[in-house]
Structure formats: structure tokens, C-alpha cells
Protein backbone atom coordinates (compact mmCIF):
# COMPACT_ATOMS: atom_id res chain seq x y z
CA MET A 1 250.70 87.58 287.45
CA ALA A 2 250.10 84.00 288.61
CA ARG A 3 248.94 83.27 292.12
CA GLU A 4 247.27 80.15 293.56
CA ASN A 5 245.86 78.87 290.29
CA ALA A 6 244.72 82.38 289.32
CA ALA A 7 245.92 84.63 286.54
CA ILE A 8 245.07 88.32 287.05
CA CYS A 9 245.71 90.52 284.02
CA ASP A 10 243.89 93.69 285.04
CA SER A 11 244.41 97.25 283.73
CA LEU A 12 247.22 96.32 281.36
CA GLY A 13 245.77 97.79 278.16
CA LEU A 14 245.84 94.41 276.43
CA THR A 15 245.01 93.91 272.76
CA SER A 16 244.70 90.11 272.83
CA ILE A 17 244.16 87.21 275.21
CA PRO A 18 247.52 86.32 276.83
CA SER A 19 248.84 82.77 276.43
CA LEU A 20 248.26 80.68 279.53
CA GLN A 21 251.55 78.86 278.97
CA SER A 22 253.36 81.94 280.24
CA PHE A 23 251.96 81.30 283.70
CA GLY A 24 253.87 78.04 284.17
CA ALA A 25 252.86 74.42 284.46
CA THR A 26 250.27 74.95 287.19
CA PRO A 27 246.77 74.72 285.69
CA ILE A 28 244.93 78.04 285.79
CA LYS A 29 241.44 77.89 287.27
CA TYR A 30 240.65 81.60 287.55
CA LEU A 31 241.47 84.00 284.72
CA SER A 32 240.74 87.74 284.86
CA ILE A 33 241.43 90.03 281.90
CA THR A 34 239.82 93.24 283.00
CA GLY A 35 240.29 96.93 282.33
CA ASP A 36 238.33 99.79 283.81
CA ALA A 37 236.46 102.88 282.63
CA LYS A 38 239.68 104.89 282.31
CA ASN A 39 242.02 102.14 281.16
CA LEU A 40 240.31 99.89 278.63
CA ASN A 41 241.66 96.82 276.98
CA ASN A 42 241.21 96.65 273.21
CA ILE A 43 240.25 93.09 272.32
CA PRO A 44 237.56 93.43 269.60
CA ARG A 45 237.10 89.72 268.89
CA ILE A 46 237.42 86.47 270.83
CA GLY A 47 237.73 83.05 269.22
CA ARG A 48 238.07 79.46 270.35
CA ASN A 49 241.80 79.39 269.66
CA ASP A 50 242.39 82.18 272.17
CA PHE A 51 241.96 79.70 275.02
CA GLN A 52 244.27 76.86 274.02
CA GLY A 53 245.44 75.02 277.14
CA ALA A 54 242.72 76.55 279.33
CA SER A 55 240.79 73.36 279.96
CA ALA A 56 241.18 73.73 283.73
CA VAL A 57 239.67 77.22 283.89
CA THR A 58 236.44 77.32 285.88
CA SER A 59 236.06 81.10 286.17
CA LEU A 60 236.68 83.63 283.39
CA ALA A 61 236.19 87.40 283.57
CA ILE A 62 236.82 89.67 280.57
CA SER A 63 235.42 93.15 281.30
CA TRP A 64 236.04 96.66 279.97
CA SER A 65 237.84 95.19 276.98
CA GLN A 66 235.78 96.58 274.06
CA ILE A 67 234.81 93.10 272.85
CA ARG A 68 232.43 93.40 269.88
CA SER A 69 232.02 89.81 268.72
CA LEU A 70 232.40 86.24 269.93
CA GLU A 71 232.96 83.30 267.62
CA ASP A 72 230.66 80.29 267.86
CA GLU A 73 231.89 77.91 270.57
CA ALA A 74 234.33 80.61 271.69
CA PHE A 75 234.64 79.01 275.16
CA ALA A 76 234.46 75.33 274.18
CA GLU A 77 238.13 74.80 275.20
CA MET A 78 236.98 75.29 278.81
CA PRO A 79 234.36 72.54 279.33
CA GLY A 80 234.59 72.94 283.11
CA LEU A 81 233.75 76.65 283.01
CA LYS A 82 231.22 77.57 285.72
CA THR A 83 231.42 81.37 285.90
CA LEU A 84 231.61 83.67 282.85
CA VAL A 85 231.73 87.46 283.18
CA LEU A 86 231.56 89.53 279.97
CA SER A 87 230.33 92.78 281.51
CA ASP A 88 230.90 96.32 280.20
CA ASN A 89 231.98 95.42 276.69
CA GLU A 90 230.50 96.33 273.29
CA LEU A 91 228.94 93.02 272.29
CA GLN A 92 226.69 93.41 269.24
CA SER A 93 224.95 90.03 269.17
CA LEU A 94 224.77 86.65 270.88
CA SER A 95 223.39 83.32 269.73
CA ALA A 96 222.93 79.85 271.17
CA ALA A 97 226.11 78.74 269.38
CA THR A 98 228.11 81.33 271.30
CA PHE A 99 227.78 79.29 274.50
CA SER A 100 227.96 75.84 272.96
CA GLY A 101 230.38 73.50 274.75
CA ILE A 102 230.05 74.93 278.28
CA LEU A 103 227.11 72.92 279.57
CA ASN A 104 228.37 73.20 283.16
CA LEU A 105 228.08 76.99 283.26
CA ARG A 106 226.28 78.21 286.39
CA GLU A 107 226.77 81.98 286.44
CA LEU A 108 226.61 84.40 283.48
CA ASP A 109 227.10 88.17 283.64
CA LEU A 110 226.32 90.16 280.47
CA SER A 111 225.61 93.50 282.15
CA GLY A 112 226.69 96.77 280.56
CA ASN A 113 226.49 95.61 276.93
CA LYS A 114 223.98 98.27 275.91
CA HIS A 115 223.59 97.40 272.22
CA CYS A 116 223.53 93.62 272.26
CA THR A 117 220.80 91.71 270.40
CA PHE A 118 219.68 88.11 271.00
CA ASP A 119 216.56 85.99 271.31
CA GLU A 120 215.24 83.48 273.81
CA THR A 121 217.21 80.63 272.23
CA VAL A 122 220.46 82.18 273.47
CA PHE A 123 220.31 80.02 276.63
CA GLU A 124 219.72 76.76 274.77
CA HIS A 125 223.16 75.28 275.56
CA ILE A 126 223.41 76.62 279.13
CA PRO A 127 220.12 75.49 280.74
CA ASN A 128 221.70 74.92 284.16
CA ILE A 129 222.70 78.47 285.03
CA THR A 130 221.58 79.61 288.46
CA VAL A 131 222.66 83.27 288.34
CA LEU A 132 221.93 85.56 285.39
CA VAL A 133 222.94 89.22 285.41
CA MET A 134 221.52 91.32 282.58
CA GLY A 135 221.49 94.78 284.12
CA ASP A 136 222.13 98.01 282.20
CA MET A 137 221.57 96.42 278.78
CA ASN A 138 218.79 98.72 277.58
CA LEU A 139 216.42 95.76 277.18
CA GLN A 140 213.23 97.90 277.44
CA THR A 141 210.91 94.96 276.74
CA LEU A 142 210.92 91.25 277.57
CA LYS A 143 208.96 88.34 276.12
CA ALA A 144 206.87 86.37 278.58
CA THR A 145 208.73 83.11 277.81
CA PHE A 146 212.24 84.56 277.66
CA PHE A 147 213.52 82.76 280.78
CA ASP A 148 211.31 79.67 280.72
CA SER A 149 214.15 77.30 279.77
CA LEU A 150 216.16 78.26 282.88
CA GLU A 151 214.51 75.94 285.38
CA SER A 152 217.45 76.16 287.79
CA LEU A 153 217.62 79.97 287.86
CA ARG A 154 217.80 81.32 291.42
CA VAL A 155 218.99 84.91 290.92
CA LEU A 156 217.81 87.22 288.12
CA LYS A 157 219.07 90.80 287.86
CA LEU A 158 217.39 93.13 285.38
CA TYR A 159 218.20 96.55 286.87
CA SER A 160 218.57 99.77 284.82
CA ASN A 161 216.98 98.56 281.59
CA ASN A 162 214.28 101.19 280.95
CA ILE A 163 211.64 98.47 281.32
CA LYS A 164 208.16 100.04 281.43
CA THR A 165 206.02 96.93 281.74
CA VAL A 166 206.67 93.29 282.58
CA PRO A 167 204.66 90.33 281.25
CA GLU A 168 202.29 88.63 283.68
CA ASN A 169 203.99 85.25 283.13
CA LEU A 170 207.62 86.42 283.13
CA ILE A 171 208.63 84.70 286.39
CA VAL A 172 205.70 82.46 287.31
CA ASN A 173 207.34 79.40 285.71
CA LEU A 174 210.74 79.91 287.36
CA ALA A 175 210.28 77.45 290.18
CA SER A 176 213.75 77.98 291.70
CA LEU A 177 213.79 81.80 291.59
CA GLU A 178 214.67 83.35 294.95
CA SER A 179 215.90 86.85 294.11
CA LEU A 180 214.67 89.37 291.54
CA ASP A 181 216.16 92.81 290.94
CA LEU A 182 214.04 95.19 288.86
CA SER A 183 215.32 98.40 290.40
CA SER A 184 215.95 101.58 288.41
CA ASN A 185 213.51 100.84 285.62
CA GLN A 186 210.33 102.62 284.49
CA LEU A 187 207.75 100.36 286.12
CA GLN A 188 204.50 101.92 287.25
CA THR A 189 202.99 98.71 288.53
CA VAL A 190 203.70 95.03 289.14
CA PRO A 191 201.31 92.35 287.83
CA VAL A 192 199.07 90.88 290.52
CA GLN A 193 199.72 87.48 288.90
CA TRP A 194 203.17 87.62 290.52
CA LYS A 195 201.73 87.53 294.02
CA PRO A 196 201.95 83.71 294.56
CA LYS A 197 205.53 83.65 293.28
CA LEU A 198 206.70 86.62 295.34
CA LEU A 199 205.46 84.91 298.48
CA THR A 200 208.09 82.19 297.94
CA MET A 201 211.02 84.56 297.29
CA THR A 202 213.52 86.15 299.63
CA GLN A 203 214.49 89.31 297.73
CA VAL A 204 212.58 91.59 295.38
CA HIS A 205 214.16 94.95 294.57
CA LEU A 206 211.79 97.56 293.16
CA ALA A 207 213.51 100.77 294.22
CA GLU A 208 213.77 103.73 291.85
CA ASN A 209 210.71 102.90 289.79
CA PRO A 210 207.88 105.43 289.23
CA LEU A 211 205.30 103.25 290.99
CA GLN A 212 201.68 104.39 290.95
CA CYS A 213 200.17 103.74 294.36
CA ASN A 214 196.67 102.91 293.16
CA CYS A 215 194.18 100.05 293.31
CA LEU A 216 196.26 97.92 290.92
CA LEU A 217 199.17 97.89 293.36
CA SER A 218 197.14 97.55 296.53
CA TRP A 219 197.73 93.79 296.57
CA LEU A 220 201.30 94.44 297.76
CA ARG A 221 199.80 96.03 300.86
CA GLU A 222 197.97 92.78 301.49
CA MET A 223 201.23 90.88 301.83
CA PRO A 224 202.40 89.91 305.33
CA SER A 225 204.16 92.79 307.03
CA HIS A 226 207.42 90.87 307.52
CA PHE A 227 207.58 90.24 303.74
CA VAL A 228 206.97 93.87 302.80
CA HIS A 229 209.69 95.18 305.09
CA SER A 230 212.35 92.69 304.07
CA ALA A 231 211.78 91.21 300.66
CA LEU A 232 210.61 94.39 298.96
CA ASP A 233 213.44 96.56 300.28
CA SER A 234 210.67 98.94 301.31
CA SER A 235 212.98 101.61 302.72
CA SER A 236 213.68 102.89 299.19
CA VAL A 237 210.34 102.15 297.51
CA VAL A 238 208.29 105.34 297.16
CA CYS A 239 205.14 106.37 295.32
CA ASN A 240 205.48 108.43 292.17
CA GLY A 241 201.74 109.02 291.93
CA PRO A 242 199.01 110.03 292.24
CA GLN A 243 200.04 113.60 292.95
CA LYS A 244 198.87 113.66 296.57
CA LEU A 245 200.96 110.54 297.36
CA ARG A 246 204.07 111.48 295.41
CA TYR A 247 207.31 110.66 297.26
CA ALA A 248 205.40 108.95 300.06
CA SER A 249 206.98 105.76 301.36
CA PHE A 250 205.11 102.77 299.97
CA VAL A 251 204.70 101.08 303.36
CA ASN A 252 203.31 104.24 304.97
CA VAL A 253 200.42 104.87 302.55
CA PRO A 254 197.06 103.90 304.12
CA ASP A 255 195.11 101.17 302.38
CA LYS A 256 192.19 103.53 301.70
CA ASP A 257 194.42 105.74 299.52
CA PHE A 258 195.20 103.00 297.02
CA LEU A 259 192.47 104.15 294.65
CA CYS A 260 191.83 104.06 290.91
CA ILE A 261 190.30 106.84 288.81
CA PRO A 262 188.37 105.80 285.67
CA PRO A 263 190.03 107.09 282.49
CA LYS A 264 188.58 110.14 280.78
CA VAL A 265 189.21 112.01 277.53
CA LEU A 266 188.91 115.49 279.00
CA ARG A 267 189.12 117.64 275.88
CA CYS A 268 190.74 117.94 272.46
CA GLU A 269 192.12 121.08 270.83
CA GLN A 270 189.49 120.81 268.08
CA THR A 271 186.71 118.41 267.22
CA ILE A 272 186.60 119.32 263.51
CA TYR A 273 189.65 119.57 261.26
CA SER A 274 189.86 120.60 257.58
CA VAL A 275 193.14 119.59 255.99
CA ASP A 276 194.43 119.67 252.40
CA ILE A 277 195.27 116.24 251.05
CA ASN A 278 198.90 115.16 251.61
CA GLN A 279 199.34 117.79 254.33
CA PRO A 280 200.33 116.85 257.93
CA LEU A 281 197.76 116.64 260.73
CA SER A 282 198.25 116.72 264.50
CA ILE A 283 195.42 116.08 266.98
CA SER A 284 196.13 116.69 270.67
CA CYS A 285 193.86 115.78 273.56
CA GLU A 286 194.05 115.76 277.35
CA TYR A 287 193.43 112.62 279.39
CA ASP A 288 192.96 111.70 283.02
CA GLY A 289 192.85 108.47 284.96
CA ASP A 290 194.73 106.34 287.44
CA PRO A 291 196.40 104.12 286.40
CA VAL A 292 197.56 106.42 283.60
CA PRO A 293 195.41 105.32 280.65
CA GLU A 294 196.70 103.91 277.41
CA ILE A 295 195.59 105.68 274.22
CA LYS A 296 194.09 104.14 271.09
CA TRP A 297 193.19 106.02 267.90
CA THR A 298 190.77 104.46 265.40
CA ARG A 299 190.64 105.64 261.79
CA PRO A 300 187.24 106.05 260.04
CA ASP A 301 187.80 102.74 258.23
CA GLY A 302 188.39 100.92 261.53
CA HIS A 303 192.20 100.66 261.47
CA GLU A 304 193.64 101.08 264.99
CA TYR A 305 196.81 102.74 266.27
CA ASN A 306 197.17 101.44 269.81
CA GLY A 307 199.51 102.57 272.55
CA ARG A 308 201.59 105.58 273.44
CA ASN A 309 204.93 106.16 271.75
CA THR A 310 204.08 103.92 268.79
CA SER A 311 204.35 104.46 265.05
CA GLU A 312 203.08 102.73 261.93
CA GLY A 313 203.79 104.09 258.48
CA ALA A 314 202.64 107.70 258.25
CA TYR A 315 200.89 107.51 261.64
CA GLU A 316 202.42 108.15 265.05
CA VAL A 317 201.04 108.27 268.60
CA THR A 318 203.38 110.23 270.86
CA GLN A 319 204.10 109.63 274.53
CA ASN A 320 201.43 112.14 275.56
CA GLY A 321 198.81 110.54 273.28
CA THR A 322 198.93 113.04 270.41
CA LEU A 323 198.08 111.64 266.97
CA ILE A 324 200.39 112.73 264.14
CA VAL A 325 199.55 111.98 260.50
CA ASN A 326 202.44 112.72 258.16
CA GLY A 327 200.35 113.42 255.06
CA VAL A 328 196.59 112.83 255.14
CA THR A 329 194.84 110.69 252.52
CA MET A 330 191.20 110.00 251.74
CA SER A 331 191.37 107.12 254.25
CA ASP A 332 191.54 109.77 256.97
CA TYR A 333 188.29 111.43 255.88
CA GLY A 334 185.47 111.03 258.40
CA ASP A 335 185.11 110.48 262.14
CA TRP A 336 188.17 109.44 264.09
CA LYS A 337 187.79 108.00 267.60
CA VAL A 338 190.25 108.40 270.45
CA MET A 339 189.96 106.05 273.43
CA ALA A 340 191.59 106.31 276.84
CA TYR A 341 191.57 103.00 278.70
CA ASN A 342 193.12 101.12 281.59
CA LYS A 343 192.25 97.94 283.46
CA THR A 344 189.33 99.61 285.21
CA ALA A 345 187.35 101.26 282.37
CA SER A 346 187.55 103.25 279.12
CA ASP A 347 186.32 106.51 277.59
CA GLU A 348 186.30 107.86 274.04
CA MET A 349 185.64 110.97 271.93
CA SER A 350 185.04 111.56 268.20
CA ILE A 351 186.96 114.00 266.02
CA THR A 352 185.86 114.80 262.46
CA VAL A 353 188.47 115.21 259.74
CA HIS A 354 187.61 116.78 256.38
CA VAL A 355 190.15 116.13 253.63
CA ILE A 356 190.23 118.87 250.97
CA THR A 357 191.16 117.78 247.47
CA THR A 358 192.51 120.38 245.02
CA THR A 359 191.16 120.34 241.41
CA THR A 360 193.56 121.67 238.77
CA SER A 361 191.80 123.35 235.79
CA THR A 362 193.54 123.60 232.42
CA SER A 363 192.96 126.76 230.35
CA THR A 364 193.29 126.36 226.59
CA THR A 365 193.91 129.47 224.42
CA THR A 366 193.02 129.23 220.76
CA THR A 367 194.92 131.49 218.38
CA THR A 368 193.40 132.29 215.00
CA THR A 369 195.86 133.18 212.27
CA THR A 370 194.49 135.35 209.44
CA THR A 371 196.16 135.22 206.05
CA THR A 372 195.53 138.17 203.72
CA THR A 373 195.40 137.37 200.01
CA THR A 374 195.57 140.28 197.55
CA THR A 375 194.14 139.79 194.03
CA THR A 376 195.29 142.31 191.41
CA PRO A 377 193.10 142.60 188.25
CA LYS A 378 194.79 142.84 184.88
CA PRO A 379 195.35 146.50 183.85
CA THR A 380 193.32 147.90 180.92
CA THR A 381 194.73 149.87 178.00
CA THR A 382 192.77 152.98 178.92
CA LEU A 383 194.33 155.13 181.63
CA LEU A 384 191.97 157.56 183.31
CA THR A 385 192.20 159.66 186.42
CA THR A 386 190.20 158.03 189.22
CA PRO A 387 188.90 160.10 192.13
CA THR A 388 190.08 158.98 195.55
CA THR A 389 187.41 157.10 197.48
CA LYS A 390 187.74 156.69 201.28
CA PRO A 391 186.92 153.16 202.34
CA GLN A 392 184.17 152.78 204.93
CA THR A 393 185.59 151.83 208.35
CA ALA A 394 183.63 149.29 210.38
CA LYS A 395 184.12 148.77 214.11
CA THR A 396 184.86 145.09 214.69
CA GLN A 397 185.75 143.01 217.70
CA THR A 398 189.29 141.66 217.51
CA LEU A 399 189.44 137.89 218.06
CA THR A 400 193.21 137.60 218.44
CA SER A 401 196.31 139.69 218.16
CA THR A 402 197.06 138.07 214.79
CA THR A 403 193.71 139.24 213.33
CA THR A 404 194.32 142.82 214.48
CA SER A 405 197.62 142.98 212.64
CA ALA A 406 195.88 141.86 209.40
CA LEU A 407 193.39 144.81 209.25
CA PRO A 408 195.77 147.33 207.54
CA LYS A 409 196.40 144.78 204.80
CA LEU A 410 192.64 144.35 204.38
CA THR A 411 192.11 148.11 203.93
CA THR A 412 194.84 148.31 201.30
CA ALA A 413 193.36 145.42 199.37
CA VAL A 414 189.88 146.97 199.37
CA GLN A 415 191.21 150.35 198.20
CA LEU A 416 193.16 148.74 195.37
CA MET A 417 190.18 146.73 194.18
CA THR A 418 187.92 149.78 194.31
CA THR A 419 190.32 151.81 192.18
CA GLN A 420 190.71 149.06 189.61
CA ALA A 421 186.98 148.47 189.49
CA GLN A 422 186.25 152.16 188.91
CA THR A 423 188.87 152.31 186.15
CA LEU A 424 187.30 149.32 184.50
CA SER A 425 183.84 150.87 184.83
CA VAL A 426 184.84 154.16 183.17
CA ALA A 427 186.58 152.41 180.31
CA THR A 428 183.57 150.26 179.68
CA ASP A 429 181.15 153.21 179.67
CA ALA A 430 182.61 154.43 176.42
CA THR A 431 181.90 151.29 174.49
CA LYS A 432 178.85 149.52 175.99
CA PRO A 433 175.21 150.37 176.46
CA VAL A 434 173.66 151.31 179.80
CA GLU A 435 172.38 147.80 180.63
CA ALA A 436 175.83 146.29 180.19
CA LYS A 437 177.29 149.06 182.29
CA ARG A 438 174.88 148.26 185.11
CA GLU A 439 175.75 144.56 184.99
CA LYS A 440 179.46 145.37 185.06
CA GLU A 441 179.06 147.59 188.13
CA LYS A 442 177.26 144.80 189.96
CA GLU A 443 179.96 142.35 189.01
CA THR A 444 182.62 144.79 190.21
CA VAL A 445 180.96 145.19 193.60
CA ASN A 446 180.75 141.42 193.92
CA TRP A 447 184.45 141.14 193.21
CA ILE A 448 185.20 143.77 195.84
CA LEU A 449 183.17 141.89 198.44
CA LEU A 450 184.76 138.57 197.52
CA VAL A 451 188.29 139.97 197.83
CA ALA A 452 187.43 141.63 201.12
CA ALA A 453 186.13 138.34 202.49
CA ALA A 454 189.26 136.53 201.39
CA ALA A 455 191.48 139.23 202.87
CA ALA A 456 189.60 139.26 206.16
CA GLY A 457 189.99 135.52 206.63
CA GLY A 458 188.23 134.30 209.78
CA THR A 459 187.43 137.75 211.13
CA VAL A 460 184.03 139.30 211.65
CA VAL A 461 184.67 141.62 208.68
CA GLY A 462 185.02 138.61 206.42
CA VAL A 463 181.77 137.18 207.67
CA ILE A 464 179.91 140.47 207.09
CA CYS A 465 181.31 140.83 203.56
CA THR A 466 180.31 137.30 202.69
CA ILE A 467 176.74 137.92 203.90
CA ILE A 468 176.45 141.12 201.83
CA MET A 469 177.73 139.36 198.71
CA CYS A 470 175.21 136.56 199.12
CA CYS A 471 172.39 139.06 199.57
CA LYS A 472 173.38 140.93 196.41
CA LYS A 473 173.55 137.70 194.43
CA LYS A 474 170.03 136.89 195.54
CA HIS A 475 168.87 140.41 194.65
CA GLU A 476 170.41 140.11 191.17
CA ALA A 477 168.69 136.82 190.61
CA ASN A 478 165.37 138.38 191.53
CA GLU A 479 165.97 141.22 189.13
CA ARG A 480 166.68 138.83 186.26
CA ASN A 481 163.48 136.93 187.00
CA GLN A 482 161.30 140.01 186.85
CA VAL A 483 158.98 140.36 183.79
CA GLU A 484 159.70 143.46 181.76
CA PRO A 485 156.60 145.68 181.50
CA PHE A 486 155.13 146.03 177.98
CA GLU A 487 152.42 147.94 176.28
CA LEU A 488 149.90 146.29 174.01
CA GLU A 489 149.28 148.32 170.94
CA ILE A 490 145.85 147.95 169.54
CA TYR A 491 145.56 148.83 165.97
């Protein structure tokens, strides 16, 4: 619909930018392409060619349209553009090139784009803007120099961004700033360095922040009463702490109650921990202080983990100051230090961590294999009946299961050799003298011992048989060396 140089295309469920030629020959100065929360447009991308013939447009609003990306120089066809509203879309990123070609821009509204990323160079081509709205963008943190290039900025709105702290120099260089909206954030205090700047401003909105009414915020009570009641919107500014002042109206708290309490590490669950290497470790402590102290953990080697709700590698410090180590190493062995600190003082406590290393021992089992060798003497031609002789049984210690299974074979071999030896001995008795018989018996016994040793292999029985054989050999040698007694006959 065209009306007085304005084109209003609201709540039409559009999927693209409409052609301005359809609105007639009258130049369009105000163009609105806006949906709402229940009736969104679906225009995912905007490019420079979407605004052909829009050179006369000075005000453009495209909201609730699910825009995700903007081409570089997307608005360059509108060099006279002064007001640009891109609120409540799904913009993913912005760069300086996005706003190239619209040097005359004065007002920019980016609010409601909760997942948009950019850096401080984004305003490089629009240095003359006077109104900047960046509310509800989940900014959380801001660099101190983020707005320094905007020397003409008069109104800055940063509401509902989960901002916990603001840099001391964030606004001090904005000479033209008149109005600042930081409502509905997570601020506990406001830097005292802002005091000179706030004295020159007309509006400062701090409502719905968890302000701590302590000594660090007492400087606001020193401001002139007319400034506190008007500029600070004091009717909705309340204290969130300390406990005795909670929900009290900021302007009604007596000066003497704006106190600070030095930080203190009250206690820790344990002061000595013993943990197996590579296992997780959690150390919890209780802290006190006003302002609420920051927490710093220092490892035995001096490495620091500073600040609540921070993480670095395997180490994490939670919002309540608990240290979590996801797998301890030898670097964690020793005395840890936890420090609670704020701008007034600090306090610390030591916690000892013992790291237990596990030693793995390797057990080696040696198996001895015994091989039984049976030697069968050649049979003689004389066959005689040999009495049965029971072999002597010795109690031995079994070295391995293999040796135990070889003992029956050893007994059989000894019995066989004994029988053969006795047969040989009887046959020899019939043909040889007594001395030869004795020598043959000794030789037979030696053979028996030798075979037994071979059959026993590496067992104790083999060792014993070998010793006996050696002893007999020595005894035989001694007998051969003896001098036969003789009688001297005297005639």
C-alpha cells in the first residue's frame, strides 16, 4: 500500500523484497516490510539488487522477517538512508562491508538478533550514527573500545543482554552521549569512573539489575538529589544485596549502610585429597564478602585459573567457585591455593592434593618340559628267570605339571634297565671270574643311574641320580688306586 511517499508492507507473509516500481512513479521515502511474532515474513537473504530504484528511501524497516544474511553493500542503492531497522531477525554475522555506501545513516536498530557476531570495526562506514539500539542481543560482554568510533552517538540502548560487568572506559570517550539504557542485565555495580560522564547525561536506566548496595556503589548516593531521582529512574532501582538491604529502594538506603565486607575463604570440604592419576577431582569451598568476591585457583606449579564460570582445558571453575579437574595429572600434585578477592582485599587457603600412581607388575611363569629317553640294551643269548625287584620310590618336589607327567615313564625305564642289568649279570657269572663280575655289577649300576638321569631330565630326581653316579665313579677310582696287600716270604 502506497501512502504519502511511504510503502507499508506489514504482516503479508512475504518471501522477498517487493519491487518499488509497483508503487507508482512517486519516489518512496519510507519503506516498511515487517511481520510480527505470529505472522513472520520469510526473507532469508537480502542483496543489493533487492533495492533497485530505491535511491529516495530515507527510512527502511525490515523486522520479523527471518533474515539470516546480508550481502556486502546490501543498502548501497539507498545513499540517502538515515534510519535502518533490522530488529527481530536471525542475523548470523555483520561486517563493516555490510553498511558500506550509507555514510549518512543516523539511526541503527539491530535489537532482537540473539545470535549475531561482529567486531568493533562493524561501524567503520557509519561513524555518524546518533542512535544505536542493540538490546536483547545476548551480548554478555563488551570491549572497552567498542563504541569509541561513534563520536556523534547520543543514545545507546543495551538492555536485556545478560551483561555482568561493564568496562571502566566503555562510555567515557563518548562526548555526545546523553542517554544510556542498561536495564534488565546482570550488573552488580557500576564503575565509579563513570561518575563524571553520568553528571552530563539526562537519562541512565539501571532498573532490573541485581545491584549490590555496598561501598563500591556509594558514589551514586553522592550525586545531586535531582540527578538521582530523574536520570537514574530511581523508582525502579532496588538493591539485590546485601541480604538485609534486599529489595530496598536504592534512594531510600541510608549512606551508612553502603558497606563493604572483606572477602574470606570460610571453609573447604577437605584440605587434603588423595586421587588416582587420570581420575576427576572436585574441590568445593565457601566464600564470603561484599562485593561478592572473585575466585582464583593456583596450581602447585603456579598456573592460575581466574574467575568464576571459566574453563581452560581439563580445568573448570564453576559459578560458585568450585574447582573441577577432569583427570588429574602429576602437575596437580602438591599444594593448591584458592583466593577470594574483590576491590577491597583478598584471602586465601591451601589445599593439598596427592596424586596416586598405579604400578603394573608383570608375572612371568616358566614351564619346564621334561623329555624321557629310554635306552634298551641289546638282548643276550642266555634267557634266565629274573626275580622282580621293586624300584625305590623317592619323594620329590614337582617343578611343573609337565615334569609330574614324566615320572611314570621314568619308573618304567628304571625297571627295564634293572631287569636287563640283572640278566646280563647272571649270564656273565657263568663265564667270568669274581673280579670281573664285580666290575660288571658296578658298570651296570652306573648305566642304571645314567639312564635314570636322562629319563628324569631337569627334575630333582635327575639331579640326585647324577650326584650318586659321580660319587660312585670317584669311589671306583679310589678302589683302583689302592695297593693290594702282600706278604713277604722269607726263605
